[in-house]
């Protein structure tokens, strides 16, 4: 994993974000499973279906994720309703 990805991964993990590595890709991903319907901003990390209606969330992704990734020159994109990919 590239240095900026590793730093972002560790920063997100430290704040409790459900990040995970995969052996078949160079970057990491964020799980969006099991959080649908939980709108507590301290624990809900992403919501593919209704997150777009939450103020300050970009494309249903918690700003804690978005802001952390931006620090390292990265961004998040939905892979499917249960996974978020992290990219340069």
N, C-alpha and C. Protein backbone atom coordinates (compact mmCIF):
# COMPACT_ATOMS: atom_id res chain seq x y z
N UNK A 1 0.85 -1.17 0.00
CA UNK A 1 0.00 0.00 0.00
C UNK A 1 0.90 1.24 0.00
N UNK A 2 0.54 2.23 -0.80
CA UNK A 2 1.30 3.47 -0.87
C UNK A 2 1.29 4.17 0.50
N UNK A 3 2.29 5.03 0.68
CA UNK A 3 2.43 5.70 1.97
C UNK A 3 1.20 6.53 2.35
N UNK A 4 0.68 7.32 1.40
CA UNK A 4 -0.49 8.15 1.73
C UNK A 4 -1.72 7.30 2.04
N UNK A 5 -1.84 6.16 1.39
CA UNK A 5 -2.95 5.25 1.67
C UNK A 5 -2.79 4.66 3.07
N UNK A 6 -1.57 4.25 3.43
CA UNK A 6 -1.32 3.67 4.74
C UNK A 6 -1.61 4.69 5.85
N UNK A 7 -1.17 5.94 5.65
CA UNK A 7 -1.43 6.98 6.65
C UNK A 7 -2.93 7.23 6.81
N UNK A 8 -3.65 7.30 5.71
CA UNK A 8 -5.10 7.51 5.77
C UNK A 8 -5.79 6.30 6.42
N UNK A 9 -5.36 5.10 6.05
CA UNK A 9 -5.91 3.88 6.63
C UNK A 9 -5.77 3.90 8.15
N UNK A 10 -4.56 4.22 8.63
CA UNK A 10 -4.32 4.25 10.07
C UNK A 10 -5.11 5.35 10.77
N UNK A 11 -5.22 6.51 10.13
CA UNK A 11 -5.99 7.62 10.72
C UNK A 11 -7.47 7.26 10.83
N UNK A 12 -8.03 6.64 9.79
CA UNK A 12 -9.44 6.24 9.83
C UNK A 12 -9.67 5.12 10.83
N UNK A 13 -8.76 4.19 10.88
CA UNK A 13 -8.88 3.09 11.83
C UNK A 13 -8.86 3.61 13.27
N UNK A 14 -8.02 4.60 13.51
CA UNK A 14 -7.88 5.19 14.85
C UNK A 14 -9.19 5.83 15.33
N UNK A 15 -9.97 6.38 14.40
CA UNK A 15 -11.24 6.99 14.81
C UNK A 15 -12.42 6.02 14.75
N UNK A 16 -12.13 4.75 14.45
CA UNK A 16 -13.16 3.72 14.49
C UNK A 16 -13.83 3.41 13.18
N UNK A 17 -13.35 3.96 12.11
CA UNK A 17 -13.94 3.71 10.79
C UNK A 17 -13.66 2.26 10.37
N UNK A 18 -14.65 1.58 9.80
CA UNK A 18 -14.48 0.17 9.42
C UNK A 18 -13.69 -0.02 8.12
N UNK A 19 -12.38 0.17 8.21
CA UNK A 19 -11.50 0.03 7.04
C UNK A 19 -10.96 -1.39 6.98
N UNK A 20 -10.62 -1.82 5.77
CA UNK A 20 -9.99 -3.14 5.62
C UNK A 20 -9.13 -3.17 4.37
N UNK A 21 -8.10 -3.99 4.44
CA UNK A 21 -7.18 -4.18 3.31
C UNK A 21 -7.61 -5.40 2.52
N UNK A 22 -7.28 -5.37 1.24
CA UNK A 22 -7.49 -6.53 0.38
C UNK A 22 -6.16 -6.88 -0.25
N UNK A 23 -5.92 -8.15 -0.43
CA UNK A 23 -4.65 -8.59 -1.00
C UNK A 23 -4.60 -8.46 -2.52
N UNK A 24 -5.75 -8.30 -3.15
CA UNK A 24 -5.79 -8.25 -4.61
C UNK A 24 -5.76 -6.85 -5.20
N UNK A 25 -5.75 -5.82 -4.35
CA UNK A 25 -5.69 -4.44 -4.83
C UNK A 25 -4.68 -3.66 -3.99
N UNK A 26 -4.20 -2.54 -4.51
CA UNK A 26 -3.19 -1.76 -3.80
C UNK A 26 -3.78 -0.83 -2.75
N UNK A 27 -5.00 -0.41 -2.93
CA UNK A 27 -5.59 0.52 -1.98
C UNK A 27 -6.42 -0.24 -0.94
N UNK A 28 -7.12 0.49 -0.08
CA UNK A 28 -7.97 -0.14 0.92
C UNK A 28 -9.41 0.25 0.70
N UNK A 29 -10.28 -0.37 1.45
CA UNK A 29 -11.71 -0.09 1.32
C UNK A 29 -12.33 0.18 2.67
N UNK A 30 -13.54 0.72 2.63
CA UNK A 30 -14.31 1.02 3.84
C UNK A 30 -15.61 0.25 3.74
N UNK A 31 -15.96 -0.44 4.81
CA UNK A 31 -17.20 -1.21 4.82
C UNK A 31 -18.38 -0.30 5.13
N UNK A 32 -19.45 -0.49 4.40
CA UNK A 32 -20.69 0.23 4.66
C UNK A 32 -21.79 -0.76 5.04
N UNK A 33 -21.41 -1.96 5.42
CA UNK A 33 -22.36 -3.00 5.81
C UNK A 33 -22.82 -2.81 7.25
N UNK A 34 -24.07 -3.10 7.50
CA UNK A 34 -24.58 -3.12 8.86
C UNK A 34 -24.79 -1.77 9.50
N UNK A 35 -24.75 -0.68 8.72
CA UNK A 35 -24.96 0.63 9.31
C UNK A 35 -26.20 1.32 8.74
N UNK A 36 -26.89 0.67 7.84
CA UNK A 36 -28.07 1.28 7.24
C UNK A 36 -29.10 1.58 8.32
N UNK A 37 -29.59 2.79 8.34
CA UNK A 37 -30.62 3.19 9.30
C UNK A 37 -30.06 3.77 10.58
N UNK A 38 -28.76 3.74 10.78
CA UNK A 38 -28.15 4.30 11.97
C UNK A 38 -27.68 5.71 11.64
N UNK A 39 -28.42 6.70 12.07
CA UNK A 39 -28.09 8.08 11.70
C UNK A 39 -27.41 8.84 12.82
N UNK A 40 -26.85 8.14 13.79
CA UNK A 40 -26.03 8.78 14.80
C UNK A 40 -24.74 9.20 14.11
N UNK A 41 -24.49 10.48 14.00
CA UNK A 41 -23.33 10.97 13.24
C UNK A 41 -22.01 10.51 13.81
N UNK A 42 -21.98 10.07 15.05
CA UNK A 42 -20.73 9.60 15.63
C UNK A 42 -20.40 8.18 15.22
N UNK A 43 -21.39 7.42 14.77
CA UNK A 43 -21.13 6.02 14.45
C UNK A 43 -21.51 5.64 13.02
N UNK A 44 -22.34 6.39 12.38
CA UNK A 44 -22.73 6.06 11.01
C UNK A 44 -21.68 6.62 10.06
N UNK A 45 -21.04 5.72 9.31
CA UNK A 45 -19.94 6.13 8.45
C UNK A 45 -20.38 6.41 7.03
N UNK A 46 -21.40 5.73 6.57
CA UNK A 46 -21.84 5.93 5.19
C UNK A 46 -23.22 5.32 5.01
N UNK A 47 -23.97 5.89 4.09
CA UNK A 47 -25.29 5.36 3.77
C UNK A 47 -25.55 5.59 2.29
N UNK A 48 -25.51 4.53 1.53
CA UNK A 48 -25.65 4.61 0.08
C UNK A 48 -27.02 5.15 -0.35
N UNK A 49 -28.06 4.74 0.36
CA UNK A 49 -29.41 5.08 -0.06
C UNK A 49 -29.92 6.42 0.47
N UNK A 50 -29.75 6.67 1.76
CA UNK A 50 -30.32 7.87 2.35
C UNK A 50 -29.28 8.90 2.79
N UNK A 51 -28.02 8.58 2.68
CA UNK A 51 -26.97 9.48 3.12
C UNK A 51 -26.89 10.77 2.34
N UNK A 52 -27.39 10.77 1.14
CA UNK A 52 -27.37 11.99 0.33
C UNK A 52 -28.28 13.07 0.90
N UNK A 53 -29.19 12.67 1.78
CA UNK A 53 -30.11 13.62 2.39
C UNK A 53 -29.58 14.19 3.70
N UNK A 54 -28.41 13.75 4.13
CA UNK A 54 -27.83 14.24 5.37
C UNK A 54 -26.95 15.44 5.03
N UNK A 55 -27.22 16.59 5.64
CA UNK A 55 -26.42 17.78 5.34
C UNK A 55 -24.93 17.54 5.61
N UNK A 56 -24.09 18.12 4.78
CA UNK A 56 -22.63 18.06 4.87
C UNK A 56 -22.03 16.73 4.42
N UNK A 57 -22.83 15.75 4.08
CA UNK A 57 -22.31 14.46 3.61
C UNK A 57 -22.23 14.52 2.09
N UNK A 58 -21.08 14.15 1.53
CA UNK A 58 -20.93 14.10 0.09
C UNK A 58 -21.21 12.69 -0.39
N UNK A 59 -22.23 12.54 -1.20
CA UNK A 59 -22.61 11.25 -1.79
C UNK A 59 -22.82 10.16 -0.74
N UNK A 60 -23.36 10.55 0.41
CA UNK A 60 -23.68 9.58 1.46
C UNK A 60 -22.50 9.11 2.29
N UNK A 61 -21.40 9.85 2.25
CA UNK A 61 -20.21 9.48 3.01
C UNK A 61 -19.96 10.51 4.11
N UNK A 62 -19.77 10.02 5.32
CA UNK A 62 -19.55 10.85 6.48
C UNK A 62 -18.37 11.79 6.24
N UNK A 63 -18.50 13.08 6.62
CA UNK A 63 -17.41 14.02 6.39
C UNK A 63 -16.13 13.68 7.16
N UNK A 64 -16.23 12.87 8.22
CA UNK A 64 -15.01 12.43 8.90
C UNK A 64 -14.13 11.61 7.96
N UNK A 65 -14.76 10.81 7.11
CA UNK A 65 -14.01 10.04 6.11
C UNK A 65 -13.47 10.97 5.03
N UNK A 66 -14.35 11.78 4.48
CA UNK A 66 -13.98 12.68 3.38
C UNK A 66 -12.83 13.61 3.77
N UNK A 67 -12.94 14.22 4.94
CA UNK A 67 -11.91 15.17 5.38
C UNK A 67 -10.58 14.47 5.66
N UNK A 68 -10.63 13.29 6.24
CA UNK A 68 -9.40 12.53 6.51
C UNK A 68 -8.72 12.16 5.20
N UNK A 69 -9.48 11.67 4.25
CA UNK A 69 -8.89 11.27 2.97
C UNK A 69 -8.28 12.46 2.23
N UNK A 70 -8.93 13.60 2.28
CA UNK A 70 -8.41 14.80 1.60
C UNK A 70 -7.05 15.21 2.15
N UNK A 71 -6.82 15.02 3.44
CA UNK A 71 -5.52 15.35 4.04
C UNK A 71 -4.39 14.60 3.35
N UNK A 72 -4.70 13.43 2.83
CA UNK A 72 -3.68 12.59 2.21
C UNK A 72 -3.81 12.52 0.70
N UNK A 73 -4.56 13.44 0.12
CA UNK A 73 -4.70 13.50 -1.33
C UNK A 73 -5.53 12.37 -1.91
N UNK A 74 -6.46 11.85 -1.14
CA UNK A 74 -7.28 10.71 -1.57
C UNK A 74 -8.75 11.09 -1.61
N UNK A 75 -9.55 10.24 -2.22
CA UNK A 75 -11.00 10.43 -2.22
C UNK A 75 -11.68 9.06 -2.18
N UNK A 76 -12.95 9.09 -1.83
CA UNK A 76 -13.74 7.86 -1.72
C UNK A 76 -14.76 7.80 -2.84
N UNK A 77 -15.00 6.58 -3.32
CA UNK A 77 -16.05 6.34 -4.31
C UNK A 77 -16.76 5.05 -3.94
N UNK A 78 -18.06 5.04 -4.13
CA UNK A 78 -18.84 3.82 -3.87
C UNK A 78 -18.47 2.75 -4.89
N UNK A 79 -18.23 1.55 -4.43
CA UNK A 79 -18.04 0.39 -5.30
C UNK A 79 -19.40 -0.27 -5.50
N UNK A 80 -20.10 -0.44 -4.42
CA UNK A 80 -21.49 -0.91 -4.41
C UNK A 80 -22.10 -0.41 -3.10
N UNK A 81 -23.31 -0.79 -2.79
CA UNK A 81 -23.99 -0.27 -1.60
C UNK A 81 -23.35 -0.70 -0.29
N UNK A 82 -22.41 -1.62 -0.34
CA UNK A 82 -21.77 -2.10 0.89
C UNK A 82 -20.29 -1.82 1.00
N UNK A 83 -19.70 -1.24 -0.05
CA UNK A 83 -18.26 -1.01 -0.05
C UNK A 83 -17.90 0.34 -0.65
N UNK A 84 -16.93 0.98 -0.02
CA UNK A 84 -16.41 2.25 -0.51
C UNK A 84 -14.94 2.04 -0.82
N UNK A 85 -14.53 2.41 -2.02
CA UNK A 85 -13.14 2.33 -2.41
C UNK A 85 -12.43 3.64 -2.14
N UNK A 86 -11.14 3.57 -1.88
CA UNK A 86 -10.32 4.75 -1.64
C UNK A 86 -9.30 4.86 -2.76
N UNK A 87 -9.20 6.05 -3.35
CA UNK A 87 -8.38 6.23 -4.55
C UNK A 87 -7.59 7.53 -4.50
N UNK A 88 -6.52 7.58 -5.32
CA UNK A 88 -5.72 8.81 -5.47
C UNK A 88 -6.55 9.88 -6.16
